[in-house]
Protein backbone atom coordinates (compact mmCIF):
# COMPACT_ATOMS: atom_id res chain seq x y z
CA MET A 1 -39.25 -30.84 -6.41
CA SER A 2 -36.53 -31.96 -4.77
CA PHE A 3 -34.90 -28.40 -4.01
CA LYS A 4 -38.62 -27.54 -2.22
CA LEU A 5 -38.25 -30.99 -0.25
CA LEU A 6 -34.57 -29.79 1.26
CA THR A 7 -36.28 -26.04 2.11
CA ILE A 8 -38.56 -27.93 4.03
CA PHE A 9 -36.20 -29.86 5.68
CA SER A 10 -34.32 -27.03 6.09
CA ASN A 11 -36.72 -24.90 7.58
CA ASP A 12 -37.48 -28.56 10.12
CA ILE A 13 -34.03 -28.70 11.53
CA ILE A 14 -33.58 -24.66 12.46
CA ASN A 15 -37.30 -24.74 13.99
CA LEU A 16 -35.18 -27.43 16.22
CA LEU A 17 -33.19 -24.97 17.24
CA ASN A 18 -35.82 -22.06 17.99
CA ASN A 19 -38.15 -24.27 19.46
CA SER A 20 -36.62 -27.37 20.92
CA GLU A 21 -36.59 -28.44 24.54
CA GLU A 22 -34.28 -30.92 24.12
CA PHE A 23 -30.85 -29.30 23.97
CA ASN A 24 -27.79 -30.92 25.70
CA VAL A 25 -24.77 -28.06 25.15
CA ALA A 26 -24.68 -24.85 26.73
CA ILE A 27 -21.87 -22.37 24.74
CA TYR A 28 -20.85 -19.54 26.56
CA VAL A 29 -19.93 -17.04 23.83
CA GLY A 30 -17.81 -13.92 24.35
CA GLU A 31 -16.40 -12.40 27.44
CA GLY A 32 -17.28 -10.16 30.27
CA ASP A 33 -20.54 -7.96 29.80
CA ASN A 34 -20.69 -9.18 25.85
CA GLN A 35 -21.33 -12.82 26.61
CA LYS A 36 -23.94 -14.81 25.80
CA VAL A 37 -25.55 -18.72 26.29
CA PHE A 38 -26.58 -20.04 22.87
CA HIS A 39 -28.09 -24.01 23.31
CA ALA A 40 -27.85 -26.55 20.74
CA HIS A 41 -27.88 -30.38 20.53
CA SER A 42 -24.35 -32.08 20.26
CA LEU A 43 -25.80 -34.49 17.58
CA ILE A 44 -26.29 -31.55 15.03
CA LEU A 45 -22.86 -29.79 15.82
CA ARG A 46 -20.75 -33.10 15.69
CA ALA A 47 -22.25 -33.73 12.44
CA ARG A 48 -21.92 -29.96 11.02
CA SER A 49 -18.15 -29.20 12.52
CA SER A 50 -15.30 -31.28 12.79
CA TYR A 51 -14.16 -28.61 15.24
CA PHE A 52 -17.68 -29.32 17.30
CA HIS A 53 -17.12 -33.40 16.76
CA THR A 54 -14.01 -32.95 18.77
CA ALA A 55 -14.83 -30.38 21.38
CA LEU A 56 -17.88 -32.69 22.09
CA SER A 57 -16.04 -35.87 22.08
CA LYS A 58 -15.93 -37.63 25.55
CA GLN A 59 -12.30 -36.86 25.93
CA TRP A 60 -12.22 -32.97 25.92
CA VAL A 61 -15.85 -31.96 27.08
CA ARG A 62 -16.43 -30.88 30.27
CA LYS A 63 -20.08 -31.31 31.63
CA GLU A 64 -22.46 -29.40 34.04
CA GLY A 65 -25.15 -32.15 34.95
CA ASP A 66 -26.75 -33.14 31.86
CA ASP A 67 -25.77 -30.27 29.63
CA ASN A 68 -22.14 -30.33 27.78
CA ILE A 69 -19.94 -26.99 28.24
CA LEU A 70 -18.50 -25.13 25.57
CA ARG A 71 -16.77 -21.56 25.40
CA GLN A 72 -15.88 -19.69 22.97
CA PRO A 73 -14.50 -16.25 24.30
CA ASN A 74 -13.35 -15.20 20.38
CA ILE A 75 -16.55 -15.17 18.93
CA SER A 76 -18.91 -12.33 19.22
CA PRO A 77 -22.58 -13.28 20.26
CA GLN A 78 -23.60 -11.67 17.36
CA VAL A 79 -21.69 -13.55 14.95
CA PHE A 80 -22.13 -16.74 16.67
CA GLU A 81 -26.09 -16.62 16.14
CA ILE A 82 -25.32 -16.54 12.23
CA ILE A 83 -23.42 -18.90 12.65
CA LEU A 84 -25.27 -21.13 14.82
CA ASN A 85 -28.06 -20.37 12.33
CA TYR A 86 -26.05 -21.55 9.48
CA ILE A 87 -25.36 -24.29 11.19
CA TYR A 88 -28.44 -25.88 11.96
CA SER A 89 -30.16 -24.60 8.13
CA GLY A 90 -27.38 -24.63 5.63
CA THR A 91 -28.17 -21.53 4.31
CA ILE A 92 -27.16 -18.32 5.34
CA SER A 93 -27.70 -14.42 3.12
CA LEU A 94 -24.50 -12.04 3.05
CA ILE A 95 -26.38 -9.48 1.34
CA ASP A 96 -26.37 -6.26 3.10
CA ARG A 97 -24.05 -6.99 5.80
CA ASP A 98 -21.16 -4.78 6.10
CA ILE A 99 -17.35 -5.67 5.51
CA MET A 100 -16.46 -5.41 9.26
CA GLU A 101 -19.41 -8.33 10.09
CA ILE A 102 -18.12 -10.74 7.08
CA LEU A 103 -14.42 -10.18 8.51
CA GLU A 104 -16.04 -11.54 11.69
CA ILE A 105 -17.79 -14.39 10.34
CA LEU A 106 -15.09 -15.47 7.98
CA ALA A 107 -12.80 -15.44 11.09
CA ALA A 108 -15.32 -17.47 13.25
CA SER A 109 -15.75 -20.06 10.58
CA ASP A 110 -11.84 -20.41 10.37
CA GLU A 111 -12.22 -20.88 14.34
CA LEU A 112 -14.76 -23.68 14.01
CA LEU A 113 -13.49 -25.20 10.76
CA LEU A 114 -16.61 -24.69 8.79
CA ASN A 115 -14.76 -25.25 5.92
CA ASP A 116 -17.58 -25.00 3.27
CA LEU A 117 -18.79 -21.90 5.19
CA LEU A 118 -15.32 -20.41 4.65
CA ASP A 119 -14.86 -20.90 0.83
CA PHE A 120 -18.20 -19.60 0.81
CA ILE A 121 -17.35 -16.35 2.38
CA GLN A 122 -14.47 -16.01 0.28
CA GLU A 123 -16.07 -16.59 -2.88
CA HIS A 124 -18.47 -13.89 -1.89
CA LEU A 125 -15.48 -11.31 -1.35
CA ILE A 126 -13.59 -11.98 -4.69
CA GLU A 127 -17.02 -11.46 -6.28
CA THR A 128 -17.93 -8.43 -4.68
CA LYS A 129 -14.35 -6.87 -4.31
CA ASN A 130 -15.59 -3.49 -6.21
CA GLU A 131 -17.51 -2.60 -2.86
CA TRP A 132 -14.39 -2.75 -0.68
CA LEU A 133 -11.59 -3.27 -2.72
CA HIS A 134 -10.30 1.01 -2.35
CA SER A 135 -11.76 1.10 1.02
CA SER A 136 -10.79 -2.25 2.89
CA ILE A 137 -8.63 -4.46 1.27
CA LEU A 138 -5.48 -4.34 3.63
CA LYS A 139 -7.79 -4.77 6.20
CA ILE A 140 -9.08 -7.93 4.27
CA TYR A 141 -5.70 -8.83 3.08
CA GLN A 142 -4.55 -8.66 7.43
CA THR A 143 -7.93 -11.33 8.12
CA SER A 144 -6.70 -13.54 5.17
CA LEU A 145 -3.30 -13.70 6.39
CA ALA A 146 -4.08 -13.83 10.41
CA HIS A 147 -6.63 -17.11 9.03
CA GLY A 148 -4.03 -19.76 7.45
CA SER A 149 -6.94 -21.38 5.54
CA CYS A 150 -7.73 -18.17 3.59
CA GLU A 151 -5.53 -19.22 1.02
CA LYS A 152 -7.49 -18.29 -1.86
CA LEU A 153 -9.19 -14.71 -0.83
CA ARG A 154 -5.33 -13.95 0.16
CA GLU A 155 -4.07 -15.16 -2.85
CA PHE A 156 -6.46 -13.07 -4.74
CA ILE A 157 -5.54 -10.13 -2.91
CA LEU A 158 -1.89 -10.40 -2.89
CA ALA A 159 -2.14 -10.67 -6.75
CA THR A 160 -4.64 -7.83 -7.19
CA ILE A 161 -1.73 -5.74 -4.73
CA SER A 162 1.10 -7.15 -6.60
CA SER A 163 -1.11 -5.82 -10.06
CA ASP A 164 -1.95 -2.21 -8.89
CA PRO A 165 0.22 -1.36 -6.39
CA GLU A 166 -0.68 1.96 -5.46
CA LEU A 167 -3.48 -0.17 -3.45
CA LEU A 168 -1.04 -0.52 -0.78
CA PHE A 169 1.72 2.28 -1.45
CA LYS A 170 -0.90 5.06 -1.38
CA SER A 171 -3.23 3.54 1.37
CA ALA A 172 -3.48 5.81 4.29
CA ASN A 173 -2.72 2.58 6.68
CA PHE A 174 0.69 1.60 5.12
CA LEU A 175 3.13 3.20 6.96
CA SER A 176 1.57 1.99 10.11
CA LEU A 177 1.68 -2.00 8.77
CA ASP A 178 3.32 -4.83 10.92
CA VAL A 179 6.25 -6.20 8.66
CA SER A 180 4.54 -9.04 8.25
CA LEU A 181 1.95 -7.99 5.86
CA LEU A 182 4.81 -6.19 3.87
CA THR A 183 7.18 -9.17 3.21
CA PRO A 184 4.46 -11.14 1.44
CA ILE A 185 4.05 -8.47 -1.11
CA LEU A 186 8.12 -7.56 -1.78
CA LYS A 187 8.76 -11.77 -2.37
CA ARG A 188 5.96 -11.30 -5.45
CA ASP A 189 7.51 -11.88 -8.74
CA ASP A 190 4.57 -10.30 -10.44
CA LEU A 191 5.03 -6.98 -8.49
CA ASP A 192 4.03 -4.42 -10.99
CA MET A 193 6.80 -1.76 -9.82
CA ALA A 194 10.19 -0.51 -10.89
CA GLU A 195 12.76 -2.09 -8.34
CA ASP A 196 13.89 1.58 -7.66
CA GLU A 197 10.48 2.44 -6.49
CA VAL A 198 10.13 -0.96 -4.39
CA TRP A 199 13.38 0.62 -2.83
CA GLU A 200 11.63 4.23 -2.32
CA GLN A 201 8.24 2.56 -0.49
CA VAL A 202 10.85 0.21 1.98
CA ILE A 203 12.68 3.42 3.03
CA ARG A 204 9.65 4.88 3.41
CA TRP A 205 7.97 2.65 5.84
CA GLY A 206 11.26 2.22 7.66
CA LEU A 207 11.32 6.01 7.83
CA ALA A 208 8.00 6.00 9.77
CA GLN A 209 8.48 3.33 12.33
CA HIS A 210 11.63 6.28 13.29
CA LEU A 211 9.64 9.55 13.37
CA SER A 212 12.27 10.80 16.07
CA PHE A 213 14.93 10.64 13.17
CA SER A 214 16.24 14.16 11.26
CA ALA A 215 14.71 14.12 7.64
CA ASN A 216 18.19 14.82 6.45
CA ILE A 217 20.16 11.66 6.75
CA ARG A 218 23.37 13.58 6.53
CA ASP A 219 23.09 14.11 10.43
CA TRP A 220 22.52 10.22 11.45
CA GLY A 221 24.99 8.68 12.87
CA THR A 222 25.60 5.36 13.94
CA GLU A 223 22.94 4.46 15.85
CA GLN A 224 20.27 5.55 13.54
CA PHE A 225 21.38 3.36 10.51
CA GLN A 226 21.67 0.18 12.75
CA ALA A 227 18.59 0.89 14.07
CA LEU A 228 16.85 1.27 10.37
CA SER A 229 18.74 -1.73 9.52
CA SER A 230 17.56 -3.93 12.49
CA THR A 231 13.64 -2.56 11.25
CA LEU A 232 14.38 -3.24 7.97
CA GLN A 233 15.91 -6.71 8.38
CA GLU A 234 13.06 -8.76 7.10
CA CYS A 235 12.73 -6.55 4.22
CA ILE A 236 16.48 -5.65 2.83
CA PHE A 237 17.00 -8.94 1.07
CA LEU A 238 13.55 -9.40 -0.88
CA VAL A 239 15.13 -5.79 -2.23
CA ARG A 240 15.92 -6.69 -5.93
CA PHE A 241 18.88 -4.90 -5.99
CA PHE A 242 20.33 -6.01 -9.35
CA GLN A 243 17.46 -5.24 -11.00
CA MET A 244 18.29 -1.67 -10.60
CA SER A 245 20.56 0.63 -12.66
CA SER A 246 23.82 1.64 -11.85
CA SER A 247 22.43 5.58 -11.65
CA ASP A 248 19.22 4.37 -9.63
CA LEU A 249 21.20 2.57 -7.28
CA TYR A 250 24.14 5.40 -6.61
CA ASP A 251 20.84 7.82 -6.37
CA LYS A 252 18.63 6.43 -4.19
CA VAL A 253 20.73 3.29 -2.41
CA TRP A 254 23.77 4.05 -1.46
CA PRO A 255 22.72 7.27 0.60
CA PHE A 256 21.46 4.25 3.10
CA ARG A 257 24.47 2.19 2.29
CA ALA A 258 25.33 1.86 5.93
CA ILE A 259 22.26 -0.30 6.62
CA LEU A 260 22.76 -3.07 4.28
CA PRO A 261 24.84 -6.27 5.65
CA PRO A 262 28.58 -6.07 4.46
CA GLU A 263 28.42 -8.99 2.21
CA LEU A 264 25.03 -7.49 0.28
CA GLU A 265 26.68 -4.55 -0.33
CA ASP A 266 30.10 -6.16 -1.90
CA ASP A 267 27.46 -8.38 -3.48
CA ILE A 268 25.61 -5.41 -5.22
CA VAL A 269 29.03 -3.70 -6.12
CA ARG A 270 30.56 -6.51 -7.21
CA CYS A 271 27.93 -7.03 -10.07
CA HIS A 272 27.07 -3.57 -10.91
CA LEU A 273 31.06 -3.17 -11.26
CA LYS A 274 31.58 -6.50 -13.01
CA PRO A 275 28.97 -7.67 -15.92
CA GLY A 276 28.06 -10.77 -16.07
CA SER A 277 28.43 -11.44 -12.25
CA LYS A 278 26.06 -13.70 -10.77
CA PRO A 279 24.85 -12.20 -7.17
CA THR A 280 24.90 -14.57 -4.29
CA PHE A 281 22.65 -12.78 -2.15
CA GLY A 282 19.22 -11.71 -2.57
CA VAL A 283 16.89 -12.50 -5.54
CA ASN A 284 17.67 -11.57 -9.58
CA THR A 285 14.61 -12.43 -11.02
CA PRO A 286 12.81 -9.57 -12.69
CA ARG A 287 9.39 -8.37 -11.35
CA GLY A 288 6.33 -7.83 -13.19
CA ASN A 289 4.30 -9.82 -16.00
CA SER A 290 7.21 -10.65 -17.85
CA THR A 291 9.75 -13.60 -16.66
CA LEU A 292 12.57 -11.96 -18.98
CA VAL A 293 12.65 -8.56 -18.43
CA GLY A 294 12.02 -6.29 -15.70
CA HIS A 295 10.34 -2.52 -15.64
CA GLN A 296 13.30 -0.84 -16.64
CA GLN A 297 13.01 -2.71 -20.21
CA MET A 298 9.15 -2.53 -19.92
CA SER A 299 9.59 1.29 -20.22
CA ARG A 300 12.19 1.52 -22.40
CA ILE A 301 9.94 -0.60 -25.11
CA ALA A 302 7.14 2.10 -23.93
CA ASP A 303 9.79 5.06 -24.92
CA TRP A 304 10.32 2.91 -28.58
CA ILE A 305 6.51 2.93 -28.76
CA ASP A 306 6.21 6.88 -28.77
CA ARG A 307 9.11 7.24 -30.41
CA LYS A 308 11.24 8.75 -27.63
CA ASP A 309 15.32 8.27 -28.53
CA SER A 310 16.02 8.24 -25.13
CA PRO A 311 14.97 6.96 -21.89
CA THR A 312 11.96 8.90 -20.75
CA TYR A 313 9.50 6.91 -18.74
CA THR A 314 9.70 5.31 -15.36
CA GLY A 315 7.20 3.34 -13.72
CA VAL A 316 5.19 6.19 -12.38
CA ASP A 317 4.94 7.49 -15.95
CA LEU A 318 4.61 4.78 -18.15
CA PRO A 319 1.79 5.55 -19.92
CA TYR A 320 0.72 1.93 -20.59
CA LYS A 321 -0.26 -1.39 -19.09
CA PHE A 322 1.11 -4.46 -20.70
CA LYS A 323 -1.23 -7.11 -20.60
CA LEU A 324 0.37 -10.93 -20.59
CA LEU A 325 -1.53 -12.75 -23.20
CA VAL A 326 0.44 -15.84 -23.86
CA ARG A 327 3.76 -17.26 -22.57
CA GLY A 328 5.71 -20.75 -23.56
CA THR A 329 6.21 -22.46 -20.57
CA ARG A 330 2.82 -21.65 -19.27
CA ASP A 331 0.70 -22.01 -22.34
CA GLY A 332 3.06 -23.85 -24.66
CA PHE A 333 5.11 -22.92 -27.79
CA ASP A 334 3.13 -24.13 -30.66
CA SER A 335 1.69 -21.33 -33.28
CA GLN A 336 -1.53 -22.61 -33.17
CA THR A 337 -1.55 -21.46 -29.12
CA PHE A 338 -0.11 -18.17 -30.09
CA HIS A 339 -3.47 -17.42 -32.66
CA ALA A 340 -5.78 -18.67 -30.19
CA LYS A 341 -4.62 -16.17 -27.64
CA CYS A 342 -3.08 -13.36 -29.26
CA ASP A 343 -4.76 -12.70 -32.49
CA GLU A 344 -7.45 -9.67 -32.54
CA GLN A 345 -5.87 -8.04 -29.81
CA GLY A 346 -4.79 -5.08 -31.10
CA PRO A 347 -1.10 -3.70 -30.50
CA THR A 348 1.34 -6.08 -28.95
CA PHE A 349 4.91 -6.79 -28.82
CA VAL A 350 6.21 -9.82 -28.33
CA ILE A 351 9.62 -10.88 -26.42
CA MET A 352 11.95 -14.25 -25.89
CA LYS A 353 15.08 -15.59 -25.32
CA ILE A 354 17.54 -17.74 -27.34
CA ALA A 355 18.09 -20.93 -26.39
CA VAL A 356 21.81 -20.82 -27.61
CA SER A 357 22.69 -17.57 -26.83
CA GLY A 358 20.56 -16.45 -24.34
CA GLU A 359 19.95 -12.93 -25.66
CA VAL A 360 16.56 -11.18 -25.29
CA ILE A 361 14.84 -9.99 -28.14
CA GLY A 362 11.75 -9.10 -29.76
CA GLY A 363 9.37 -6.69 -31.86
CA PHE A 364 6.06 -4.10 -31.58
CA ASN A 365 2.94 -4.85 -33.68
CA PRO A 366 1.20 -1.98 -33.66
CA ILE A 367 -2.26 -3.41 -35.64
CA LYS A 368 -3.19 -6.87 -34.45
CA TRP A 369 -2.11 -10.24 -35.44
CA GLN A 370 -4.31 -12.39 -37.62
CA ILE A 371 -3.84 -15.26 -40.26
CA GLY A 372 -4.21 -14.36 -44.03
CA THR A 373 -2.22 -13.64 -46.99
CA GLY A 374 -0.51 -10.47 -48.12
CA HIS A 375 0.91 -7.88 -45.30
CA LEU A 376 -0.31 -5.48 -42.85
CA GLU A 377 1.28 -2.07 -43.25
CA THR A 378 2.83 0.40 -40.83
CA ARG A 379 5.69 2.62 -40.09
CA ASP A 380 5.36 2.11 -36.04
CA SER A 381 7.14 -1.12 -36.09
CA PHE A 382 9.74 -2.36 -34.80
CA LEU A 383 12.40 -5.09 -33.90
CA PHE A 384 14.59 -5.11 -30.59
CA SER A 385 17.10 -6.65 -28.55
CA PHE A 386 18.28 -6.33 -24.81
CA GLY A 387 21.49 -8.91 -25.82
CA ASN A 388 22.37 -11.86 -23.22
CA ARG A 389 22.40 -9.49 -20.05
CA GLY A 390 18.99 -8.08 -20.90
CA CYS A 391 20.24 -4.82 -19.72
CA LEU A 392 19.60 -1.45 -20.69
CA GLU A 393 22.90 -0.57 -21.51
CA ASP A 394 22.80 -3.18 -24.41
CA ALA A 395 19.20 -2.21 -25.66
CA LYS A 396 19.08 -1.59 -29.50
CA ILE A 397 16.18 -1.17 -31.83
CA SER A 398 15.73 -1.55 -35.44
CA ARG A 399 12.75 0.21 -36.83
CA VAL A 400 11.05 -0.71 -39.95
CA LEU A 401 12.05 0.51 -43.74
CA ARG A 402 9.62 -0.79 -46.00
CA ALA A 403 6.13 -0.25 -44.03
CA ASN A 404 4.51 -1.72 -46.56
CA TYR A 405 5.99 -5.14 -45.75
CA ALA A 406 6.14 -4.81 -42.21
CA ILE A 407 3.62 -7.10 -40.94
CA PRO A 408 3.20 -10.38 -43.26
CA LEU A 409 -0.13 -12.15 -42.75
CA LYS A 410 0.83 -16.50 -43.27
CA ASP A 411 -1.22 -19.47 -42.05
CA GLU A 412 -1.59 -20.54 -38.83
CA SER A 413 1.76 -22.74 -38.82
CA TYR A 414 3.37 -19.70 -38.38
CA GLY A 415 3.20 -17.50 -35.21
CA PRO A 416 4.39 -13.91 -34.88
CA CYS A 417 5.97 -12.73 -37.77
CA PHE A 418 8.23 -9.13 -38.81
CA GLY A 419 9.04 -8.18 -42.71
CA ASP A 420 9.45 -11.52 -45.04
CA LYS A 421 12.68 -12.39 -43.69
CA ASP A 422 13.42 -10.14 -40.32
CA LEU A 423 12.19 -12.54 -37.74
CA LEU A 424 10.04 -15.15 -38.59
CA MET A 425 8.65 -17.50 -35.81
CA GLN A 426 7.11 -21.34 -37.00
CA GLY A 427 5.93 -24.41 -35.63
CA ASN A 428 6.38 -25.37 -32.46
CA PHE A 429 9.19 -22.28 -31.56
CA SER A 430 11.40 -24.16 -28.99
CA HIS A 431 12.37 -26.72 -31.57
CA THR A 432 15.70 -26.37 -33.51
CA ASP A 433 15.75 -23.58 -36.03
CA SER A 434 11.84 -23.11 -35.75
CA CYS A 435 12.98 -19.19 -35.74
CA SER A 436 14.88 -17.21 -38.18
CA CYS A 437 16.27 -13.70 -38.37
CA LYS A 438 17.86 -12.21 -41.44
CA GLU A 439 17.71 -8.37 -42.35
CA ASP A 440 15.48 -7.47 -45.02
CA ASP A 441 12.68 -5.04 -44.67
CA TYR A 442 14.13 -3.58 -41.37
CA GLU A 443 16.62 -1.53 -40.00
CA ALA A 444 19.35 -4.11 -39.17
CA PRO A 445 19.34 -7.30 -37.93
CA ILE A 446 19.08 -7.47 -34.20
CA VAL A 447 20.50 -11.01 -33.38
CA LYS A 448 23.72 -12.93 -35.35
CA HIS A 449 21.93 -16.35 -35.32
CA ARG A 450 20.55 -16.63 -38.95
CA LYS A 451 18.47 -20.18 -37.52
CA PHE A 452 17.24 -20.62 -33.53
CA SER A 453 15.09 -21.97 -31.19
CA VAL A 454 13.71 -20.06 -28.10
CA VAL A 455 13.64 -21.66 -24.21
CA GLU A 456 10.96 -18.96 -23.70
CA TYR A 457 8.58 -16.16 -25.25
CA GLU A 458 5.84 -13.94 -24.40
CA VAL A 459 3.40 -11.48 -26.03
CA PHE A 460 1.97 -8.24 -24.12
CA LYS A 461 -1.11 -6.75 -24.93
CA ILE A 462 -0.23 -3.06 -25.21
CA ILE A 463 -3.40 -0.88 -22.88
CA LYS A 464 -3.43 2.93 -23.01
CA LYS A 465 -3.52 3.96 -19.66
């Protein structure tokens, strides 16, 4: 009954807009030949919009006779008519409207401080993402950046691009993007790309701003390198050179070293030639879903899963997607949380950082996690370590020897376990001596510490592409 009465009330108010002769506001909307005058009631406008509440105050409004005069040159008459109907009726339909019109309504809502409508449009765009994700994502991204109040939509787009970078980097419009749209992506810790690929895309974008330059950089002089350096000055320090391998750095970055600021170049050389050095400039946090390892380490794990002895995969041809199921610092370190989030999820790998040494170790379960007794048999599980530097050079693997003891089944007080003794996690994994490692059913121990705790752990579901 209350809904019916509300509908009647809404219809009565909208009739004031369509039939009233008591308007006291004239709003000049648009410019030139596309200008139209709308008439409205100051009482309704001020009640519905904080923008109009201020604009129609005695201190700000301009009067012509009995009319209060407002001008909205940045909004088209077609969009303002939709907005005005919403102000009076409290209803709006975005169904069957094309994406460009919806973005115009969004921009107008932001300008007129119609926050409820702004939130509604953002939710609508997120819910209908499949309709525009591949065709209009950059336009919507640009709109969300231009309007500071569109935080929800902007974060959704940034997260979407971060998880599927091809939406940006394979877009026909990528090379014509303004740098202000590129830098927020480069700042993302969750950008799902290998760092050498990030660098390649930054260089590709930079070169597209200088089409007159020779394609062969051996022909370049100081002027060309300085121009490219100036173009990329907002991007260079956002590239995480310290997460690249030495070979990628030499092959892909070093030919362009003349565009690097001298202090950054020196920092890169020092950190790559002197292991253990901490960078002074730039960002050293690995990208991707993991806070513990980067794409090169993820690619190495994929190599091991497919029993490839030498590094084979890169970020481009990685045959798997890794979906984060649990993270200790985000979700908790207790075994109950592990089982709630990871049981019956299929193949996974767990990775952790040991508190006392900083070593990064983990294990691959090709079957699933579950509570029970006995063991899951497999010849494909393994343990691994990336040492305390998290580097590929320190990587080692320990495959299962006794397949019938590969994955022990225990009660919910235990977390991920491999072999009867090889890697066990129990209770709260961040508590002293809650984890243990002793050679038994796998080839070799992956860490010297028999007992330890972890400062972080993550479990990833492995999804075949």
